[in-house]
Amino acid sequence: MLGRTANGLYWMFRYIERAENIARLVDAGQRMSLTRSGANEDDDWDGVLQSAGVREAYDEVHTKLTGADAIDYLMRDRSNPSSVMSCIDYGRNNARMVRTALTRDTWEATNECWIELKALLGKRLKTAEVPEMIEVIKRRAGLIRGAFHGSMLRNELYNFARIGTFIERADNTARILDVKYYVLLPSISHVGSSLDNAQWESILRSVSAHRAYKWAYDPEYKPANIADFLILNGQMPRSLAYCYEKIVSNINYLGAEYDKRLPAHDTADAIRKMLQTLTIKHIMDQGLHEFLEDFVSRNNKLGAEISDGYRFYE
């Protein structure tokens, strides 16, 4: 398979996943700003922008931080390469580049997503419109993944797309958890006494895990249990552990198909092993924020190694 096709599929699905994930990040920020009491709700958006990695870029186009401007910047500002609309554009462009490698169902789902979101995000959203817009984005991204999953051969094309999806998803789960860090007291030793249950519930809802958490743990929102669920629980489809089981599985399929072992294999294996051996107590003692920063760095390293490895799959 041409490296160019692998590159196109990998980035197509990273961008589609990123569009949904940015929407989920906005959802987390909006829910938490509504549950904060006695504070300026706009302050919470600093953490959201930091976690999205666009805080400095936001300041280049805005003189003041407001929730409305932050939402607009994350959802539809084309000067922001990580906005939902920018990601949908990039995802569709990559899909066009590899059009002959996609099934008709996958291409049509991608193109229809682009058409609908281009229309809906053509104007600034009112605050009351944001929740429904987030649901539309999640539905459209789900339709693309469903069409792809239900119609594509399980070959190297499928593997590259899935690797892109789960690298991006792992990054997002870590960042959404990190949003919560920004509203905690600086010392991790105060976590048990300072967390607002309504905000932890918001985190779970933003990753579609509210009901699943109650199935896996007791109904009470305990920070350690929620962190364990989103980091180490291999049954939760957005957890870091689950994402890395899928990443390693698909990378190994590629290695067997081409009889090659690249640096990305070792990096992915090391991250999965770390997630298999750590306990949530160790992570909380180390510091949740510090762990998440380290994880995002490792995940980014793997993404770079995947990009460097395309030329070997030709």
Protein backbone atom coordinates (compact mmCIF):
# COMPACT_ATOMS: atom_id res chain seq x y z
CA MET A 1 0.00 0.00 0.00
CA LEU A 2 1.28 3.45 -0.83
CA GLY A 3 2.52 5.47 2.12
CA ARG A 4 0.46 8.41 0.85
CA THR A 5 -2.75 6.39 1.23
CA ALA A 6 -1.75 5.28 4.73
CA ASN A 7 -1.03 8.88 5.65
CA GLY A 8 -4.39 10.05 4.29
CA LEU A 9 -6.38 7.42 6.18
CA TYR A 10 -4.48 7.94 9.41
CA TRP A 11 -5.05 11.70 9.37
CA MET A 12 -8.59 11.49 8.07
CA PHE A 13 -9.63 9.53 11.14
CA ARG A 14 -7.48 11.54 13.52
CA TYR A 15 -9.22 14.72 12.36
CA ILE A 16 -12.72 13.22 12.50
CA GLU A 17 -12.03 11.97 16.01
CA ARG A 18 -10.49 15.33 16.97
CA ALA A 19 -13.56 17.22 15.78
CA GLU A 20 -15.77 15.14 18.06
CA ASN A 21 -13.27 15.37 20.89
CA ILE A 22 -13.05 19.17 20.74
CA ALA A 23 -16.84 19.22 20.92
CA ARG A 24 -16.66 16.97 23.99
CA LEU A 25 -14.06 19.30 25.53
CA VAL A 26 -16.44 22.23 24.99
CA ASP A 27 -19.19 20.16 26.57
CA ALA A 28 -17.00 19.51 29.63
CA GLY A 29 -16.14 23.18 29.92
CA GLN A 30 -19.71 24.34 29.56
CA ARG A 31 -21.03 21.82 32.08
CA MET A 32 -18.36 22.73 34.63
CA SER A 33 -18.82 26.48 34.19
CA LEU A 34 -22.54 26.01 34.91
CA THR A 35 -21.85 24.01 38.08
CA ARG A 36 -19.25 26.38 39.53
CA SER A 37 -20.68 28.58 42.26
CA GLY A 38 -19.24 31.81 43.61
CA ALA A 39 -16.76 32.24 40.77
CA ASN A 40 -16.56 33.80 37.36
CA GLU A 41 -17.68 31.07 34.99
CA ASP A 42 -15.46 32.49 32.24
CA ASP A 43 -12.40 31.53 34.30
CA ASP A 44 -13.07 27.83 33.66
CA TRP A 45 -12.46 28.34 29.95
CA ASP A 46 -8.80 29.06 30.58
CA GLY A 47 -8.39 25.41 31.58
CA VAL A 48 -10.35 24.22 28.53
CA LEU A 49 -8.18 26.25 26.15
CA GLN A 50 -5.02 25.08 27.94
CA SER A 51 -6.10 21.46 27.64
CA ALA A 52 -6.92 21.91 23.95
CA GLY A 53 -3.42 23.33 23.46
CA VAL A 54 -4.68 26.62 21.98
CA ARG A 55 -4.50 29.09 24.89
CA GLU A 56 -1.75 31.25 23.37
CA ALA A 57 -3.31 31.07 19.91
CA TYR A 58 -6.62 32.28 21.39
CA ASP A 59 -4.90 35.34 22.84
CA GLU A 60 -3.60 36.26 19.39
CA VAL A 61 -7.15 36.86 18.14
CA HIS A 62 -8.96 37.89 21.34
CA THR A 63 -8.08 40.54 23.91
CA LYS A 64 -10.27 39.08 26.66
CA LEU A 65 -11.22 35.59 27.75
CA THR A 66 -14.96 34.95 27.72
CA GLY A 67 -16.89 31.72 27.56
CA ALA A 68 -18.74 32.81 24.42
CA ASP A 69 -15.51 33.67 22.57
CA ALA A 70 -13.80 30.48 23.74
CA ILE A 71 -16.69 28.36 22.47
CA ASP A 72 -16.68 30.16 19.14
CA TYR A 73 -12.91 29.74 18.81
CA LEU A 74 -13.07 26.02 19.57
CA MET A 75 -16.15 25.26 17.49
CA ARG A 76 -15.94 27.30 14.29
CA ASP A 77 -12.95 29.66 14.07
CA ARG A 78 -10.99 28.66 10.97
CA SER A 79 -7.92 30.53 12.24
CA ASN A 80 -7.79 27.76 14.86
CA PRO A 81 -6.51 24.59 13.14
CA SER A 82 -7.99 22.51 15.96
CA SER A 83 -11.50 23.96 15.83
CA VAL A 84 -14.31 21.54 15.02
CA MET A 85 -14.89 23.13 11.60
CA SER A 86 -11.18 23.13 10.72
CA CYS A 87 -10.90 19.46 11.70
CA ILE A 88 -13.92 18.51 9.61
CA ASP A 89 -12.39 20.36 6.64
CA TYR A 90 -9.06 18.55 7.08
CA GLY A 91 -10.76 15.20 7.57
CA ARG A 92 -12.82 15.58 4.39
CA ASN A 93 -9.78 16.76 2.42
CA ASN A 94 -7.88 13.65 3.46
CA ALA A 95 -10.90 11.51 2.60
CA ARG A 96 -10.96 13.05 -0.90
CA MET A 97 -7.27 12.29 -1.29
CA VAL A 98 -7.86 8.59 -0.55
CA ARG A 99 -11.35 8.42 -2.07
CA THR A 100 -10.63 5.24 -4.03
CA ALA A 101 -9.52 3.48 -0.83
CA LEU A 102 -12.83 4.18 0.93
CA THR A 103 -16.17 2.46 0.54
CA ARG A 104 -19.02 4.53 -0.84
CA ASP A 105 -20.78 4.44 2.54
CA THR A 106 -17.74 5.90 4.32
CA TRP A 107 -17.22 8.67 1.79
CA GLU A 108 -20.90 9.68 1.79
CA ALA A 109 -21.04 9.77 5.59
CA THR A 110 -17.93 11.99 5.62
CA ASN A 111 -19.19 14.32 2.92
CA GLU A 112 -22.64 14.66 4.49
CA CYS A 113 -21.04 15.46 7.83
CA TRP A 114 -19.02 18.25 6.19
CA ILE A 115 -22.06 19.68 4.39
CA GLU A 116 -24.24 19.75 7.52
CA LEU A 117 -21.62 21.18 9.87
CA LYS A 118 -20.51 23.78 7.34
CA ALA A 119 -24.10 25.07 7.31
CA LEU A 120 -24.71 24.85 11.05
CA LEU A 121 -21.37 26.40 12.01
CA GLY A 122 -21.62 29.13 9.41
CA LYS A 123 -22.71 31.58 12.09
CA ARG A 124 -21.82 32.22 15.71
CA LEU A 125 -23.71 29.91 18.07
CA LYS A 126 -25.93 31.14 20.86
CA THR A 127 -25.21 29.61 24.25
CA ALA A 128 -28.50 27.72 24.20
CA GLU A 129 -27.61 26.18 20.81
CA VAL A 130 -24.29 24.70 21.91
CA PRO A 131 -25.55 21.45 23.55
CA GLU A 132 -27.56 20.44 20.47
CA MET A 133 -24.62 21.34 18.20
CA ILE A 134 -22.38 19.09 20.24
CA GLU A 135 -24.87 16.24 19.85
CA VAL A 136 -24.97 16.75 16.07
CA ILE A 137 -21.17 16.57 15.88
CA LYS A 138 -21.07 13.41 17.98
CA ARG A 139 -23.80 11.77 15.84
CA ARG A 140 -22.09 12.66 12.57
CA ALA A 141 -18.70 11.40 13.73
CA GLY A 142 -20.36 8.20 14.92
CA LEU A 143 -21.99 7.70 11.52
CA ILE A 144 -18.60 7.98 9.79
CA ARG A 145 -17.02 5.45 12.13
CA GLY A 146 -20.03 3.15 11.81
CA ALA A 147 -19.99 3.26 8.01
CA PHE A 148 -16.26 2.58 7.98
CA HIS A 149 -16.42 -0.20 10.55
CA GLY A 150 -19.35 -1.89 8.83
CA SER A 151 -18.11 -1.79 5.25
CA MET A 152 -14.29 -1.86 5.09
CA LEU A 153 -12.04 -4.87 4.70
CA ARG A 154 -9.93 -5.65 7.78
CA ASN A 155 -6.67 -4.91 5.98
CA GLU A 156 -3.85 -2.39 6.34
CA LEU A 157 -6.22 0.43 5.35
CA TYR A 158 -8.44 -0.41 8.30
CA ASN A 159 -5.49 -0.71 10.66
CA PHE A 160 -4.05 2.73 9.87
CA ALA A 161 -7.46 4.35 10.29
CA ARG A 162 -8.01 2.67 13.63
CA ILE A 163 -4.56 3.64 14.91
CA GLY A 164 -5.32 7.26 14.07
CA THR A 165 -8.69 7.05 15.81
CA PHE A 166 -7.36 5.63 19.07
CA ILE A 167 -4.24 7.80 19.32
CA GLU A 168 -6.52 10.83 19.04
CA ARG A 169 -9.10 9.39 21.44
CA ALA A 170 -6.50 8.63 24.11
CA ASP A 171 -5.19 12.17 23.81
CA ASN A 172 -8.70 13.53 24.27
CA THR A 173 -9.55 11.48 27.35
CA ALA A 174 -6.33 12.62 29.00
CA ARG A 175 -7.07 16.25 28.13
CA ILE A 176 -10.65 16.12 29.40
CA LEU A 177 -9.42 14.72 32.70
CA ASP A 178 -6.84 17.49 32.77
CA VAL A 179 -9.59 20.10 32.39
CA LYS A 180 -10.80 18.92 35.78
CA TYR A 181 -7.32 19.47 37.20
CA TYR A 182 -7.59 23.18 36.51
CA VAL A 183 -10.52 23.51 38.90
CA LEU A 184 -8.85 21.53 41.69
CA LEU A 185 -6.69 22.84 44.48
CA PRO A 186 -3.03 22.73 43.40
CA SER A 187 -2.09 20.07 45.94
CA ILE A 188 -3.16 16.55 45.03
CA SER A 189 -3.37 15.83 48.78
CA HIS A 190 -6.57 17.90 48.90
CA VAL A 191 -8.31 16.03 46.10
CA GLY A 192 -10.57 13.91 48.31
CA SER A 193 -12.00 16.85 50.19
CA SER A 194 -12.26 19.54 47.50
CA LEU A 195 -13.86 17.91 44.48
CA ASP A 196 -17.32 18.96 43.43
CA ASN A 197 -19.40 15.86 42.59
CA ALA A 198 -21.42 17.75 40.01
CA GLN A 199 -18.26 18.57 38.09
CA TRP A 200 -17.05 14.96 38.15
CA GLU A 201 -20.46 13.95 36.83
CA SER A 202 -19.95 16.47 34.02
CA ILE A 203 -16.64 14.85 33.09
CA LEU A 204 -18.32 11.46 32.84
CA ARG A 205 -21.17 12.83 30.75
CA SER A 206 -18.74 14.56 28.38
CA VAL A 207 -17.18 11.19 27.49
CA SER A 208 -20.54 9.37 27.38
CA ALA A 209 -19.61 7.35 30.44
CA HIS A 210 -22.08 8.48 33.10
CA ARG A 211 -24.26 5.35 33.12
CA ALA A 212 -21.38 2.97 32.41
CA TYR A 213 -19.51 4.30 35.45
CA LYS A 214 -22.45 3.39 37.67
CA TRP A 215 -22.47 -0.10 36.22
CA ALA A 216 -18.77 -0.57 36.96
CA TYR A 217 -18.53 1.22 40.33
CA ASP A 218 -20.83 2.28 43.13
CA PRO A 219 -23.14 5.24 42.37
CA GLU A 220 -21.09 7.65 44.49
CA TYR A 221 -18.71 9.88 42.54
CA LYS A 222 -15.28 9.16 43.94
CA PRO A 223 -12.32 10.89 42.23
CA ALA A 224 -10.08 7.81 42.41
CA ASN A 225 -12.78 5.58 40.90
CA ILE A 226 -13.52 8.03 38.09
CA ALA A 227 -9.83 8.41 37.28
CA ASP A 228 -9.44 4.61 37.37
CA PHE A 229 -12.43 4.23 35.04
CA LEU A 230 -11.09 6.70 32.45
CA ILE A 231 -7.44 5.67 32.68
CA LEU A 232 -7.07 1.99 33.59
CA ASN A 233 -10.43 0.26 33.01
CA GLY A 234 -9.99 -1.82 29.85
CA GLN A 235 -13.76 -2.24 29.41
CA MET A 236 -14.39 1.49 29.01
CA PRO A 237 -14.07 2.31 25.25
CA ARG A 238 -12.63 5.79 25.86
CA SER A 239 -10.19 4.82 28.60
CA LEU A 240 -6.47 5.12 27.99
CA ALA A 241 -6.03 1.39 28.63
CA TYR A 242 -8.70 0.42 26.07
CA CYS A 243 -7.28 2.77 23.45
CA TYR A 244 -3.82 1.27 23.82
CA GLU A 245 -5.07 -2.29 23.57
CA LYS A 246 -6.52 -1.32 20.18
CA ILE A 247 -3.45 0.65 19.09
CA VAL A 248 -1.06 -2.20 19.89
CA SER A 249 -3.37 -4.73 18.23
CA ASN A 250 -3.54 -2.77 14.97
CA ILE A 251 0.17 -1.93 14.93
CA ASN A 252 0.95 -5.62 15.41
CA TYR A 253 -1.32 -6.52 12.48
CA LEU A 254 0.69 -4.13 10.32
CA GLY A 255 3.97 -5.54 11.60
CA ALA A 256 2.88 -9.07 10.74
CA GLU A 257 1.52 -8.03 7.33
CA TYR A 258 4.77 -6.32 6.28
CA ASP A 259 7.17 -8.34 8.44
CA LYS A 260 8.58 -5.13 9.94
CA ARG A 261 9.05 -3.90 13.49
CA LEU A 262 9.51 -0.15 13.81
CA PRO A 263 10.13 2.20 16.78
CA ALA A 264 6.36 2.78 17.00
CA HIS A 265 5.88 -0.86 18.01
CA ASP A 266 8.20 -0.46 21.01
CA THR A 267 6.67 2.87 22.06
CA ALA A 268 3.13 1.51 21.90
CA ASP A 269 4.10 -1.63 23.82
CA ALA A 270 5.80 0.44 26.53
CA ILE A 271 2.75 2.67 27.01
CA ARG A 272 0.39 -0.31 27.17
CA LYS A 273 2.66 -2.04 29.71
CA MET A 274 2.71 1.13 31.83
CA LEU A 275 -1.10 1.23 31.84
CA GLN A 276 -1.28 -2.46 32.70
CA THR A 277 1.09 -2.24 35.66
CA LEU A 278 0.15 1.09 37.28
CA THR A 279 -2.51 1.33 39.96
CA ILE A 280 -4.76 4.32 40.43
CA LYS A 281 -3.24 4.85 43.90
CA HIS A 282 0.18 5.22 42.32
CA ILE A 283 -1.16 7.69 39.77
CA MET A 284 -2.95 9.80 42.39
CA ASP A 285 0.11 9.76 44.66
CA GLN A 286 2.32 10.79 41.75
CA GLY A 287 -0.15 13.54 40.83
CA LEU A 288 -2.97 13.19 38.33
CA HIS A 289 -1.92 16.26 36.36
CA GLU A 290 1.71 15.12 36.17
CA PHE A 291 0.67 11.67 35.00
CA LEU A 292 -1.60 13.09 32.31
CA GLU A 293 1.10 15.46 31.05
CA ASP A 294 3.53 12.57 30.76
CA PHE A 295 0.95 10.41 29.01
CA VAL A 296 0.10 13.10 26.44
CA SER A 297 3.82 13.52 25.72
CA ARG A 298 4.27 9.76 25.19
CA ASN A 299 1.15 9.59 23.04
CA ASN A 300 2.44 12.48 20.89
CA LYS A 301 5.75 10.67 20.49
CA LEU A 302 3.92 7.61 19.18
CA GLY A 303 1.95 9.76 16.74
CA ALA A 304 5.19 11.22 15.38
CA GLU A 305 6.70 7.75 15.00
CA ILE A 306 3.64 6.52 13.12
CA SER A 307 3.99 9.48 10.74
CA ASP A 308 7.69 8.74 10.24
CA GLY A 309 6.91 5.10 9.56
CA TYR A 310 4.58 5.57 6.57
CA ARG A 311 7.38 5.26 4.05
CA PHE A 312 8.08 1.69 5.24
CA TYR A 313 4.58 0.57 4.24
CA GLU A 314 5.01 0.74 0.50
